[in-house]
Amino acid sequence: LLFFLGILLLVGMLKQIGVLDMLANVYGIYNPDVSNFFTGMASALLDN
């Protein structure tokens, strides 16, 4: 539970500073099938 707490605090911080919004903007640049594939890979590092 403490590990979850630390991870989610970090993800919440990244959301607060706009990192996740930036990823959403990058998503629209490429073909959706390609973007979806790499979005899934990104979810291995960032909370989906």
ModelCIF file with pLDDT and N, C-alpha, C, O atoms, coordinates in Angstrom:
data_MODEL
#
_entry.id   MODEL 
#
_entity.id                         1 
_entity.type                       polymer 
_entity.pdbx_number_of_molecules   1 
#
_entity_poly.entity_id                      1 
_entity_poly.type                           'polypeptide(L)' 
_entity_poly.nstd_linkage                   no 
_entity_poly.nstd_monomer                   no 
_entity_poly.pdbx_seq_one_letter_code       LLFFLGILLLVGMLKQIGVLDMLANVYGIYNPDVSNFFTGMASALLDN 
_entity_poly.pdbx_seq_one_letter_code_can   LLFFLGILLLVGMLKQIGVLDMLANVYGIYNPDVSNFFTGMASALLDN 
_entity_poly.pdbx_strand_id                 A 
#
loop_
_entity_poly_seq.entity_id 
_entity_poly_seq.num 
_entity_poly_seq.mon_id 
_entity_poly_seq.hetero 
1 1  LEU n 
1 2  LEU n 
1 3  PHE n 
1 4  PHE n 
1 5  LEU n 
1 6  GLY n 
1 7  ILE n 
1 8  LEU n 
1 9  LEU n 
1 10 LEU n 
1 11 VAL n 
1 12 GLY n 
1 13 MET n 
1 14 LEU n 
1 15 LYS n 
1 16 GLN n 
1 17 ILE n 
1 18 GLY n 
1 19 VAL n 
1 20 LEU n 
1 21 ASP n 
1 22 MET n 
1 23 LEU n 
1 24 ALA n 
1 25 ASN n 
1 26 VAL n 
1 27 TYR n 
1 28 GLY n 
1 29 ILE n 
1 30 TYR n 
1 31 ASN n 
1 32 PRO n 
1 33 ASP n 
1 34 VAL n 
1 35 SER n 
1 36 ASN n 
1 37 PHE n 
1 38 PHE n 
1 39 THR n 
1 40 GLY n 
1 41 MET n 
1 42 ALA n 
1 43 SER n 
1 44 ALA n 
1 45 LEU n 
1 46 LEU n 
1 47 ASP n 
1 48 ASN n 
#
_struct_asym.id          A 
_struct_asym.entity_id   1 
#
loop_
_ma_qa_metric.id 
_ma_qa_metric.mode 
_ma_qa_metric.name 
_ma_qa_metric.software_group_id 
_ma_qa_metric.type 
1 global pLDDT . pLDDT 
2 local  pLDDT . pLDDT 
#
_ma_qa_metric_global.metric_id      1 
_ma_qa_metric_global.metric_value   82.98 
_ma_qa_metric_global.model_id       1 
_ma_qa_metric_global.ordinal_id     1 
#
loop_
_ma_qa_metric_local.label_asym_id 
_ma_qa_metric_local.label_comp_id 
_ma_qa_metric_local.label_seq_id 
_ma_qa_metric_local.metric_id 
_ma_qa_metric_local.metric_value 
_ma_qa_metric_local.model_id 
_ma_qa_metric_local.ordinal_id 
A LEU 1  2 75.00 1 1  
A LEU 2  2 82.00 1 2  
A PHE 3  2 77.00 1 3  
A PHE 4  2 74.00 1 4  
A LEU 5  2 83.00 1 5  
A GLY 6  2 85.00 1 6  
A ILE 7  2 80.00 1 7  
A LEU 8  2 79.00 1 8  
A LEU 9  2 87.00 1 9  
A LEU 10 2 86.00 1 10 
A VAL 11 2 80.00 1 11 
A GLY 12 2 83.00 1 12 
A MET 13 2 88.00 1 13 
A LEU 14 2 84.00 1 14 
A LYS 15 2 81.00 1 15 
A GLN 16 2 85.00 1 16 
A ILE 17 2 85.00 1 17 
A GLY 18 2 81.00 1 18 
A VAL 19 2 81.00 1 19 
A LEU 20 2 73.00 1 20 
A ASP 21 2 76.00 1 21 
A MET 22 2 79.00 1 22 
A LEU 23 2 76.00 1 23 
A ALA 24 2 76.00 1 24 
A ASN 25 2 78.00 1 25 
A VAL 26 2 81.00 1 26 
A TYR 27 2 81.00 1 27 
A GLY 28 2 79.00 1 28 
A ILE 29 2 84.00 1 29 
A TYR 30 2 84.00 1 30 
A ASN 31 2 89.00 1 31 
A PRO 32 2 88.00 1 32 
A ASP 33 2 90.00 1 33 
A VAL 34 2 91.00 1 34 
A SER 35 2 90.00 1 35 
A ASN 36 2 91.00 1 36 
A PHE 37 2 94.00 1 37 
A PHE 38 2 92.00 1 38 
A THR 39 2 90.00 1 39 
A GLY 40 2 91.00 1 40 
A MET 41 2 92.00 1 41 
A ALA 42 2 88.00 1 42 
A SER 43 2 86.00 1 43 
A ALA 44 2 87.00 1 44 
A LEU 45 2 82.00 1 45 
A LEU 46 2 75.00 1 46 
A ASP 47 2 69.00 1 47 
A ASN 48 2 75.00 1 48 
#
loop_
_atom_site.group_PDB 
_atom_site.id 
_atom_site.type_symbol 
_atom_site.label_atom_id 
_atom_site.label_alt_id 
_atom_site.label_comp_id 
_atom_site.label_asym_id 
_atom_site.label_entity_id 
_atom_site.label_seq_id 
_atom_site.pdbx_PDB_ins_code 
_atom_site.Cartn_x 
_atom_site.Cartn_y 
_atom_site.Cartn_z 
_atom_site.occupancy 
_atom_site.B_iso_or_equiv 
_atom_site.pdbx_formal_charge 
_atom_site.auth_seq_id 
_atom_site.auth_comp_id 
_atom_site.auth_asym_id 
_atom_site.auth_atom_id 
_atom_site.pdbx_PDB_model_num 
ATOM 1   N N  . LEU A 1 1  ? 0.821  -1.204 0.000   1.00 75.00 ? 1  LEU A N  1 
ATOM 2   C CA . LEU A 1 1  ? 0.000  0.000  0.000   1.00 75.00 ? 1  LEU A CA 1 
ATOM 3   C C  . LEU A 1 1  ? 0.859  1.260  0.000   1.00 75.00 ? 1  LEU A C  1 
ATOM 4   O O  . LEU A 1 1  ? 0.511  2.247  -0.649  1.00 75.00 ? 1  LEU A O  1 
ATOM 5   N N  . LEU A 1 2  ? 1.972  1.236  0.717   1.00 82.00 ? 2  LEU A N  1 
ATOM 6   C CA . LEU A 1 2  ? 2.880  2.394  0.723   1.00 82.00 ? 2  LEU A CA 1 
ATOM 7   C C  . LEU A 1 2  ? 3.523  2.588  -0.643  1.00 82.00 ? 2  LEU A C  1 
ATOM 8   O O  . LEU A 1 2  ? 3.734  3.718  -1.083  1.00 82.00 ? 2  LEU A O  1 
ATOM 9   N N  . PHE A 1 3  ? 3.833  1.486  -1.309  1.00 77.00 ? 3  PHE A N  1 
ATOM 10  C CA . PHE A 1 3  ? 4.396  1.569  -2.658  1.00 77.00 ? 3  PHE A CA 1 
ATOM 11  C C  . PHE A 1 3  ? 3.381  2.186  -3.614  1.00 77.00 ? 3  PHE A C  1 
ATOM 12  O O  . PHE A 1 3  ? 3.721  3.048  -4.425  1.00 77.00 ? 3  PHE A O  1 
ATOM 13  N N  . PHE A 1 4  ? 2.139  1.736  -3.511  1.00 74.00 ? 4  PHE A N  1 
ATOM 14  C CA . PHE A 1 4  ? 1.060  2.324  -4.306  1.00 74.00 ? 4  PHE A CA 1 
ATOM 15  C C  . PHE A 1 4  ? 0.949  3.818  -4.043  1.00 74.00 ? 4  PHE A C  1 
ATOM 16  O O  . PHE A 1 4  ? 0.814  4.613  -4.974  1.00 74.00 ? 4  PHE A O  1 
ATOM 17  N N  . LEU A 1 5  ? 1.006  4.193  -2.771  1.00 83.00 ? 5  LEU A N  1 
ATOM 18  C CA . LEU A 1 5  ? 0.889  5.596  -2.391  1.00 83.00 ? 5  LEU A CA 1 
ATOM 19  C C  . LEU A 1 5  ? 1.975  6.438  -3.056  1.00 83.00 ? 5  LEU A C  1 
ATOM 20  O O  . LEU A 1 5  ? 1.690  7.500  -3.608  1.00 83.00 ? 5  LEU A O  1 
ATOM 21  N N  . GLY A 1 6  ? 3.219  5.963  -3.002  1.00 85.00 ? 6  GLY A N  1 
ATOM 22  C CA . GLY A 1 6  ? 4.316  6.701  -3.615  1.00 85.00 ? 6  GLY A CA 1 
ATOM 23  C C  . GLY A 1 6  ? 4.173  6.822  -5.119  1.00 85.00 ? 6  GLY A C  1 
ATOM 24  O O  . GLY A 1 6  ? 4.369  7.897  -5.687  1.00 85.00 ? 6  GLY A O  1 
ATOM 25  N N  . ILE A 1 7  ? 3.830  5.709  -5.766  1.00 80.00 ? 7  ILE A N  1 
ATOM 26  C CA . ILE A 1 7  ? 3.672  5.707  -7.234  1.00 80.00 ? 7  ILE A CA 1 
ATOM 27  C C  . ILE A 1 7  ? 2.555  6.658  -7.658  1.00 80.00 ? 7  ILE A C  1 
ATOM 28  O O  . ILE A 1 7  ? 2.730  7.440  -8.593  1.00 80.00 ? 7  ILE A O  1 
ATOM 29  N N  . LEU A 1 8  ? 1.413  6.597  -6.979  1.00 79.00 ? 8  LEU A N  1 
ATOM 30  C CA . LEU A 1 8  ? 0.271  7.417  -7.376  1.00 79.00 ? 8  LEU A CA 1 
ATOM 31  C C  . LEU A 1 8  ? 0.493  8.896  -7.067  1.00 79.00 ? 8  LEU A C  1 
ATOM 32  O O  . LEU A 1 8  ? -0.036 9.759  -7.768  1.00 79.00 ? 8  LEU A O  1 
ATOM 33  N N  . LEU A 1 9  ? 1.261  9.195  -6.034  1.00 87.00 ? 9  LEU A N  1 
ATOM 34  C CA . LEU A 1 9  ? 1.622  10.588 -5.777  1.00 87.00 ? 9  LEU A CA 1 
ATOM 35  C C  . LEU A 1 9  ? 2.492  11.136 -6.909  1.00 87.00 ? 9  LEU A C  1 
ATOM 36  O O  . LEU A 1 9  ? 2.320  12.278 -7.334  1.00 87.00 ? 9  LEU A O  1 
ATOM 37  N N  . LEU A 1 10 ? 3.418  10.321 -7.389  1.00 86.00 ? 10 LEU A N  1 
ATOM 38  C CA . LEU A 1 10 ? 4.279  10.746 -8.492  1.00 86.00 ? 10 LEU A CA 1 
ATOM 39  C C  . LEU A 1 10 ? 3.480  10.932 -9.780  1.00 86.00 ? 10 LEU A C  1 
ATOM 40  O O  . LEU A 1 10 ? 3.674  11.907 -10.506 1.00 86.00 ? 10 LEU A O  1 
ATOM 41  N N  . VAL A 1 11 ? 2.579  9.985  -10.055 1.00 80.00 ? 11 VAL A N  1 
ATOM 42  C CA . VAL A 1 11 ? 1.750  10.096 -11.264 1.00 80.00 ? 11 VAL A CA 1 
ATOM 43  C C  . VAL A 1 11 ? 0.837  11.314 -11.169 1.00 80.00 ? 11 VAL A C  1 
ATOM 44  O O  . VAL A 1 11 ? 0.642  12.028 -12.153 1.00 80.00 ? 11 VAL A O  1 
ATOM 45  N N  . GLY A 1 12 ? 0.276  11.549 -9.979  1.00 83.00 ? 12 GLY A N  1 
ATOM 46  C CA . GLY A 1 12 ? -0.566 12.725 -9.789  1.00 83.00 ? 12 GLY A CA 1 
ATOM 47  C C  . GLY A 1 12 ? 0.211  14.010 -10.018 1.00 83.00 ? 12 GLY A C  1 
ATOM 48  O O  . GLY A 1 12 ? -0.315 14.968 -10.584 1.00 83.00 ? 12 GLY A O  1 
ATOM 49  N N  . MET A 1 13 ? 1.460  14.029 -9.578  1.00 88.00 ? 13 MET A N  1 
ATOM 50  C CA . MET A 1 13 ? 2.311  15.194 -9.801  1.00 88.00 ? 13 MET A CA 1 
ATOM 51  C C  . MET A 1 13 ? 2.554  15.407 -11.298 1.00 88.00 ? 13 MET A C  1 
ATOM 52  O O  . MET A 1 13 ? 2.494  16.536 -11.784 1.00 88.00 ? 13 MET A O  1 
ATOM 53  N N  . LEU A 1 14 ? 2.828  14.319 -12.028 1.00 84.00 ? 14 LEU A N  1 
ATOM 54  C CA . LEU A 1 14 ? 3.056  14.427 -13.471 1.00 84.00 ? 14 LEU A CA 1 
ATOM 55  C C  . LEU A 1 14 ? 1.801  14.932 -14.190 1.00 84.00 ? 14 LEU A C  1 
ATOM 56  O O  . LEU A 1 14 ? 1.883  15.683 -15.162 1.00 84.00 ? 14 LEU A O  1 
ATOM 57  N N  . LYS A 1 15 ? 0.650  14.505 -13.694 1.00 81.00 ? 15 LYS A N  1 
ATOM 58  C CA . LYS A 1 15 ? -0.600 15.017 -14.245 1.00 81.00 ? 15 LYS A CA 1 
ATOM 59  C C  . LYS A 1 15 ? -0.750 16.508 -13.951 1.00 81.00 ? 15 LYS A C  1 
ATOM 60  O O  . LYS A 1 15 ? -1.206 17.270 -14.803 1.00 81.00 ? 15 LYS A O  1 
ATOM 61  N N  . GLN A 1 16 ? -0.364 16.919 -12.740 1.00 85.00 ? 16 GLN A N  1 
ATOM 62  C CA . GLN A 1 16 ? -0.480 18.314 -12.334 1.00 85.00 ? 16 GLN A CA 1 
ATOM 63  C C  . GLN A 1 16 ? 0.384  19.239 -13.189 1.00 85.00 ? 16 GLN A C  1 
ATOM 64  O O  . GLN A 1 16 ? -0.036 20.350 -13.513 1.00 85.00 ? 16 GLN A O  1 
ATOM 65  N N  . ILE A 1 17 ? 1.582  18.795 -13.556 1.00 85.00 ? 17 ILE A N  1 
ATOM 66  C CA . ILE A 1 17 ? 2.490  19.655 -14.334 1.00 85.00 ? 17 ILE A CA 1 
ATOM 67  C C  . ILE A 1 17 ? 2.271  19.527 -15.839 1.00 85.00 ? 17 ILE A C  1 
ATOM 68  O O  . ILE A 1 17 ? 2.993  20.135 -16.629 1.00 85.00 ? 17 ILE A O  1 
ATOM 69  N N  . GLY A 1 18 ? 1.270  18.733 -16.236 1.00 81.00 ? 18 GLY A N  1 
ATOM 70  C CA . GLY A 1 18 ? 0.886  18.698 -17.645 1.00 81.00 ? 18 GLY A CA 1 
ATOM 71  C C  . GLY A 1 18 ? 1.571  17.665 -18.503 1.00 81.00 ? 18 GLY A C  1 
ATOM 72  O O  . GLY A 1 18 ? 1.421  17.682 -19.725 1.00 81.00 ? 18 GLY A O  1 
ATOM 73  N N  . VAL A 1 19 ? 2.334  16.748 -17.885 1.00 81.00 ? 19 VAL A N  1 
ATOM 74  C CA . VAL A 1 19 ? 3.033  15.729 -18.680 1.00 81.00 ? 19 VAL A CA 1 
ATOM 75  C C  . VAL A 1 19 ? 2.046  14.833 -19.410 1.00 81.00 ? 19 VAL A C  1 
ATOM 76  O O  . VAL A 1 19 ? 2.252  14.501 -20.577 1.00 81.00 ? 19 VAL A O  1 
ATOM 77  N N  . LEU A 1 20 ? 0.972  14.437 -18.728 1.00 73.00 ? 20 LEU A N  1 
ATOM 78  C CA . LEU A 1 20 ? -0.014 13.551 -19.362 1.00 73.00 ? 20 LEU A CA 1 
ATOM 79  C C  . LEU A 1 20 ? -0.767 14.273 -20.476 1.00 73.00 ? 20 LEU A C  1 
ATOM 80  O O  . LEU A 1 20 ? -1.083 13.670 -21.502 1.00 73.00 ? 20 LEU A O  1 
ATOM 81  N N  . ASP A 1 21 ? -1.052 15.544 -20.284 1.00 76.00 ? 21 ASP A N  1 
ATOM 82  C CA . ASP A 1 21 ? -1.694 16.323 -21.352 1.00 76.00 ? 21 ASP A CA 1 
ATOM 83  C C  . ASP A 1 21 ? -0.769 16.443 -22.560 1.00 76.00 ? 21 ASP A C  1 
ATOM 84  O O  . ASP A 1 21 ? -1.224 16.414 -23.704 1.00 76.00 ? 21 ASP A O  1 
ATOM 85  N N  . MET A 1 22 ? 0.521  16.575 -22.303 1.00 79.00 ? 22 MET A N  1 
ATOM 86  C CA . MET A 1 22 ? 1.491  16.649 -23.383 1.00 79.00 ? 22 MET A CA 1 
ATOM 87  C C  . MET A 1 22 ? 1.504  15.346 -24.185 1.00 79.00 ? 22 MET A C  1 
ATOM 88  O O  . MET A 1 22 ? 1.611  15.364 -25.411 1.00 79.00 ? 22 MET A O  1 
ATOM 89  N N  . LEU A 1 23 ? 1.393  14.214 -23.478 1.00 76.00 ? 23 LEU A N  1 
ATOM 90  C CA . LEU A 1 23 ? 1.331  12.928 -24.168 1.00 76.00 ? 23 LEU A CA 1 
ATOM 91  C C  . LEU A 1 23 ? 0.076  12.827 -25.029 1.00 76.00 ? 23 LEU A C  1 
ATOM 92  O O  . LEU A 1 23 ? 0.109  12.264 -26.123 1.00 76.00 ? 23 LEU A O  1 
ATOM 93  N N  . ALA A 1 24 ? -1.031 13.377 -24.529 1.00 76.00 ? 24 ALA A N  1 
ATOM 94  C CA . ALA A 1 24 ? -2.275 13.365 -25.304 1.00 76.00 ? 24 ALA A CA 1 
ATOM 95  C C  . ALA A 1 24 ? -2.119 14.184 -26.584 1.00 76.00 ? 24 ALA A C  1 
ATOM 96  O O  . ALA A 1 24 ? -2.671 13.828 -27.625 1.00 76.00 ? 24 ALA A O  1 
ATOM 97  N N  . ASN A 1 25 ? -1.369 15.278 -26.504 1.00 78.00 ? 25 ASN A N  1 
ATOM 98  C CA . ASN A 1 25 ? -1.130 16.095 -27.700 1.00 78.00 ? 25 ASN A CA 1 
ATOM 99  C C  . ASN A 1 25 ? -0.249 15.364 -28.703 1.00 78.00 ? 25 ASN A C  1 
ATOM 100 O O  . ASN A 1 25 ? -0.480 15.437 -29.910 1.00 78.00 ? 25 ASN A O  1 
ATOM 101 N N  . VAL A 1 26 ? 0.763  14.659 -28.200 1.00 81.00 ? 26 VAL A N  1 
ATOM 102 C CA . VAL A 1 26 ? 1.636  13.882 -29.078 1.00 81.00 ? 26 VAL A CA 1 
ATOM 103 C C  . VAL A 1 26 ? 0.854  12.760 -29.749 1.00 81.00 ? 26 VAL A C  1 
ATOM 104 O O  . VAL A 1 26 ? 1.129  12.396 -30.892 1.00 81.00 ? 26 VAL A O  1 
ATOM 105 N N  . TYR A 1 27 ? -0.119 12.218 -29.033 1.00 81.00 ? 27 TYR A N  1 
ATOM 106 C CA . TYR A 1 27 ? -0.943 11.105 -29.546 1.00 81.00 ? 27 TYR A CA 1 
ATOM 107 C C  . TYR A 1 27 ? -1.563 11.464 -30.890 1.00 81.00 ? 27 TYR A C  1 
ATOM 108 O O  . TYR A 1 27 ? -1.612 10.630 -31.794 1.00 81.00 ? 27 TYR A O  1 
ATOM 109 N N  . GLY A 1 28 ? -2.040 12.710 -31.026 1.00 79.00 ? 28 GLY A N  1 
ATOM 110 C CA . GLY A 1 28 ? -2.764 13.106 -32.239 1.00 79.00 ? 28 GLY A CA 1 
ATOM 111 C C  . GLY A 1 28 ? -1.894 13.324 -33.456 1.00 79.00 ? 28 GLY A C  1 
ATOM 112 O O  . GLY A 1 28 ? -2.412 13.531 -34.553 1.00 79.00 ? 28 GLY A O  1 
ATOM 113 N N  . ILE A 1 29 ? -0.586 13.282 -33.288 1.00 84.00 ? 29 ILE A N  1 
ATOM 114 C CA . ILE A 1 29 ? 0.318  13.560 -34.412 1.00 84.00 ? 29 ILE A CA 1 
ATOM 115 C C  . ILE A 1 29 ? 0.409  12.377 -35.363 1.00 84.00 ? 29 ILE A C  1 
ATOM 116 O O  . ILE A 1 29 ? 0.549  12.563 -36.571 1.00 84.00 ? 29 ILE A O  1 
ATOM 117 N N  . TYR A 1 30 ? 0.332  11.182 -34.839 1.00 84.00 ? 30 TYR A N  1 
ATOM 118 C CA . TYR A 1 30 ? 0.591  9.980  -35.629 1.00 84.00 ? 30 TYR A CA 1 
ATOM 119 C C  . TYR A 1 30 ? -0.694 9.222  -35.947 1.00 84.00 ? 30 TYR A C  1 
ATOM 120 O O  . TYR A 1 30 ? -1.773 9.557  -35.458 1.00 84.00 ? 30 TYR A O  1 
ATOM 121 N N  . ASN A 1 31 ? -0.549 8.192  -36.779 1.00 89.00 ? 31 ASN A N  1 
ATOM 122 C CA . ASN A 1 31 ? -1.671 7.316  -37.105 1.00 89.00 ? 31 ASN A CA 1 
ATOM 123 C C  . ASN A 1 31 ? -2.215 6.700  -35.820 1.00 89.00 ? 31 ASN A C  1 
ATOM 124 O O  . ASN A 1 31 ? -1.431 6.224  -34.999 1.00 89.00 ? 31 ASN A O  1 
ATOM 125 N N  . PRO A 1 32 ? -3.539 6.694  -35.619 1.00 88.00 ? 32 PRO A N  1 
ATOM 126 C CA . PRO A 1 32 ? -4.105 6.192  -34.359 1.00 88.00 ? 32 PRO A CA 1 
ATOM 127 C C  . PRO A 1 32 ? -3.663 4.774  -33.994 1.00 88.00 ? 32 PRO A C  1 
ATOM 128 O O  . PRO A 1 32 ? -3.445 4.476  -32.820 1.00 88.00 ? 32 PRO A O  1 
ATOM 129 N N  . ASP A 1 33 ? -3.530 3.901  -34.994 1.00 90.00 ? 33 ASP A N  1 
ATOM 130 C CA . ASP A 1 33 ? -3.103 2.534  -34.695 1.00 90.00 ? 33 ASP A CA 1 
ATOM 131 C C  . ASP A 1 33 ? -1.690 2.513  -34.113 1.00 90.00 ? 33 ASP A C  1 
ATOM 132 O O  . ASP A 1 33 ? -1.392 1.734  -33.208 1.00 90.00 ? 33 ASP A O  1 
ATOM 133 N N  . VAL A 1 34 ? -0.829 3.379  -34.642 1.00 91.00 ? 34 VAL A N  1 
ATOM 134 C CA . VAL A 1 34 ? 0.533  3.484  -34.119 1.00 91.00 ? 34 VAL A CA 1 
ATOM 135 C C  . VAL A 1 34 ? 0.524  4.144  -32.740 1.00 91.00 ? 34 VAL A C  1 
ATOM 136 O O  . VAL A 1 34 ? 1.204  3.689  -31.820 1.00 91.00 ? 34 VAL A O  1 
ATOM 137 N N  . SER A 1 35 ? -0.247 5.210  -32.609 1.00 90.00 ? 35 SER A N  1 
ATOM 138 C CA . SER A 1 35 ? -0.329 5.927  -31.337 1.00 90.00 ? 35 SER A CA 1 
ATOM 139 C C  . SER A 1 35 ? -0.878 5.036  -30.225 1.00 90.00 ? 35 SER A C  1 
ATOM 140 O O  . SER A 1 35 ? -0.380 5.064  -29.100 1.00 90.00 ? 35 SER A O  1 
ATOM 141 N N  . ASN A 1 36 ? -1.905 4.246  -30.541 1.00 91.00 ? 36 ASN A N  1 
ATOM 142 C CA . ASN A 1 36 ? -2.485 3.345  -29.543 1.00 91.00 ? 36 ASN A CA 1 
ATOM 143 C C  . ASN A 1 36 ? -1.458 2.325  -29.055 1.00 91.00 ? 36 ASN A C  1 
ATOM 144 O O  . ASN A 1 36 ? -1.380 2.018  -27.866 1.00 91.00 ? 36 ASN A O  1 
ATOM 145 N N  . PHE A 1 37 ? -0.675 1.811  -30.000 1.00 94.00 ? 37 PHE A N  1 
ATOM 146 C CA . PHE A 1 37 ? 0.326  0.801  -29.663 1.00 94.00 ? 37 PHE A CA 1 
ATOM 147 C C  . PHE A 1 37 ? 1.341  1.362  -28.664 1.00 94.00 ? 37 PHE A C  1 
ATOM 148 O O  . PHE A 1 37 ? 1.654  0.722  -27.660 1.00 94.00 ? 37 PHE A O  1 
ATOM 149 N N  . PHE A 1 38 ? 1.848  2.558  -28.947 1.00 92.00 ? 38 PHE A N  1 
ATOM 150 C CA . PHE A 1 38 ? 2.865  3.152  -28.081 1.00 92.00 ? 38 PHE A CA 1 
ATOM 151 C C  . PHE A 1 38 ? 2.259  3.756  -26.805 1.00 92.00 ? 38 PHE A C  1 
ATOM 152 O O  . PHE A 1 38 ? 2.948  3.893  -25.794 1.00 92.00 ? 38 PHE A O  1 
ATOM 153 N N  . THR A 1 39 ? 0.972  4.115  -26.857 1.00 90.00 ? 39 THR A N  1 
ATOM 154 C CA . THR A 1 39 ? 0.293  4.549  -25.640 1.00 90.00 ? 39 THR A CA 1 
ATOM 155 C C  . THR A 1 39 ? 0.234  3.404  -24.636 1.00 90.00 ? 39 THR A C  1 
ATOM 156 O O  . THR A 1 39 ? 0.421  3.608  -23.436 1.00 90.00 ? 39 THR A O  1 
ATOM 157 N N  . GLY A 1 40 ? -0.026 2.208  -25.134 1.00 91.00 ? 40 GLY A N  1 
ATOM 158 C CA . GLY A 1 40 ? -0.022 1.033  -24.277 1.00 91.00 ? 40 GLY A CA 1 
ATOM 159 C C  . GLY A 1 40 ? 1.338  0.792  -23.647 1.00 91.00 ? 40 GLY A C  1 
ATOM 160 O O  . GLY A 1 40 ? 1.428  0.447  -22.469 1.00 91.00 ? 40 GLY A O  1 
ATOM 161 N N  . MET A 1 41 ? 2.397  0.973  -24.427 1.00 92.00 ? 41 MET A N  1 
ATOM 162 C CA . MET A 1 41 ? 3.744  0.811  -23.893 1.00 92.00 ? 41 MET A CA 1 
ATOM 163 C C  . MET A 1 41 ? 4.042  1.885  -22.843 1.00 92.00 ? 41 MET A C  1 
ATOM 164 O O  . MET A 1 41 ? 4.702  1.621  -21.838 1.00 92.00 ? 41 MET A O  1 
ATOM 165 N N  . ALA A 1 42 ? 3.546  3.093  -23.094 1.00 88.00 ? 42 ALA A N  1 
ATOM 166 C CA . ALA A 1 42 ? 3.759  4.180  -22.125 1.00 88.00 ? 42 ALA A CA 1 
ATOM 167 C C  . ALA A 1 42 ? 3.052  3.901  -20.804 1.00 88.00 ? 42 ALA A C  1 
ATOM 168 O O  . ALA A 1 42 ? 3.486  4.361  -19.748 1.00 88.00 ? 42 ALA A O  1 
ATOM 169 N N  . SER A 1 43 ? 1.954  3.140  -20.874 1.00 86.00 ? 43 SER A N  1 
ATOM 170 C CA . SER A 1 43 ? 1.206  2.842  -19.643 1.00 86.00 ? 43 SER A CA 1 
ATOM 171 C C  . SER A 1 43 ? 1.969  1.893  -18.728 1.00 86.00 ? 43 SER A C  1 
ATOM 172 O O  . SER A 1 43 ? 1.563  1.658  -17.590 1.00 86.00 ? 43 SER A O  1 
ATOM 173 N N  . ALA A 1 44 ? 3.088  1.343  -19.232 1.00 87.00 ? 44 ALA A N  1 
ATOM 174 C CA . ALA A 1 44 ? 3.943  0.526  -18.375 1.00 87.00 ? 44 ALA A CA 1 
ATOM 175 C C  . ALA A 1 44 ? 4.756  1.397  -17.421 1.00 87.00 ? 44 ALA A C  1 
ATOM 176 O O  . ALA A 1 44 ? 5.284  0.904  -16.425 1.00 87.00 ? 44 ALA A O  1 
ATOM 177 N N  . LEU A 1 45 ? 4.856  2.690  -17.726 1.00 82.00 ? 45 LEU A N  1 
ATOM 178 C CA . LEU A 1 45 ? 5.588  3.632  -16.878 1.00 82.00 ? 45 LEU A CA 1 
ATOM 179 C C  . LEU A 1 45 ? 4.660  4.607  -16.160 1.00 82.00 ? 45 LEU A C  1 
ATOM 180 O O  . LEU A 1 45 ? 4.920  5.008  -15.025 1.00 82.00 ? 45 LEU A O  1 
ATOM 181 N N  . LEU A 1 46 ? 3.571  4.984  -16.838 1.00 75.00 ? 46 LEU A N  1 
ATOM 182 C CA . LEU A 1 46 ? 2.631  5.952  -16.273 1.00 75.00 ? 46 LEU A CA 1 
ATOM 183 C C  . LEU A 1 46 ? 1.287  5.278  -16.035 1.00 75.00 ? 46 LEU A C  1 
ATOM 184 O O  . LEU A 1 46 ? 0.875  4.404  -16.798 1.00 75.00 ? 46 LEU A O  1 
ATOM 185 N N  . ASP A 1 47 ? 0.621  5.685  -14.985 1.00 69.00 ? 47 ASP A N  1 
ATOM 186 C CA . ASP A 1 47 ? -0.687 5.109  -14.649 1.00 69.00 ? 47 ASP A CA 1 
ATOM 187 C C  . ASP A 1 47 ? -1.640 5.258  -15.833 1.00 69.00 ? 47 ASP A C  1 
ATOM 188 O O  . ASP A 1 47 ? -1.808 6.351  -16.373 1.00 69.00 ? 47 ASP A O  1 
ATOM 189 N N  . ASN A 1 48 ? -2.263 4.141  -16.230 1.00 75.00 ? 48 ASN A N  1 
ATOM 190 C CA . ASN A 1 48 ? -3.105 4.176  -17.433 1.00 75.00 ? 48 ASN A CA 1 
ATOM 191 C C  . ASN A 1 48 ? -4.430 4.912  -17.206 1.00 75.00 ? 48 ASN A C  1 
ATOM 192 O O  . ASN A 1 48 ? -5.240 5.023  -18.126 1.00 75.00 ? 48 ASN A O  1 
#
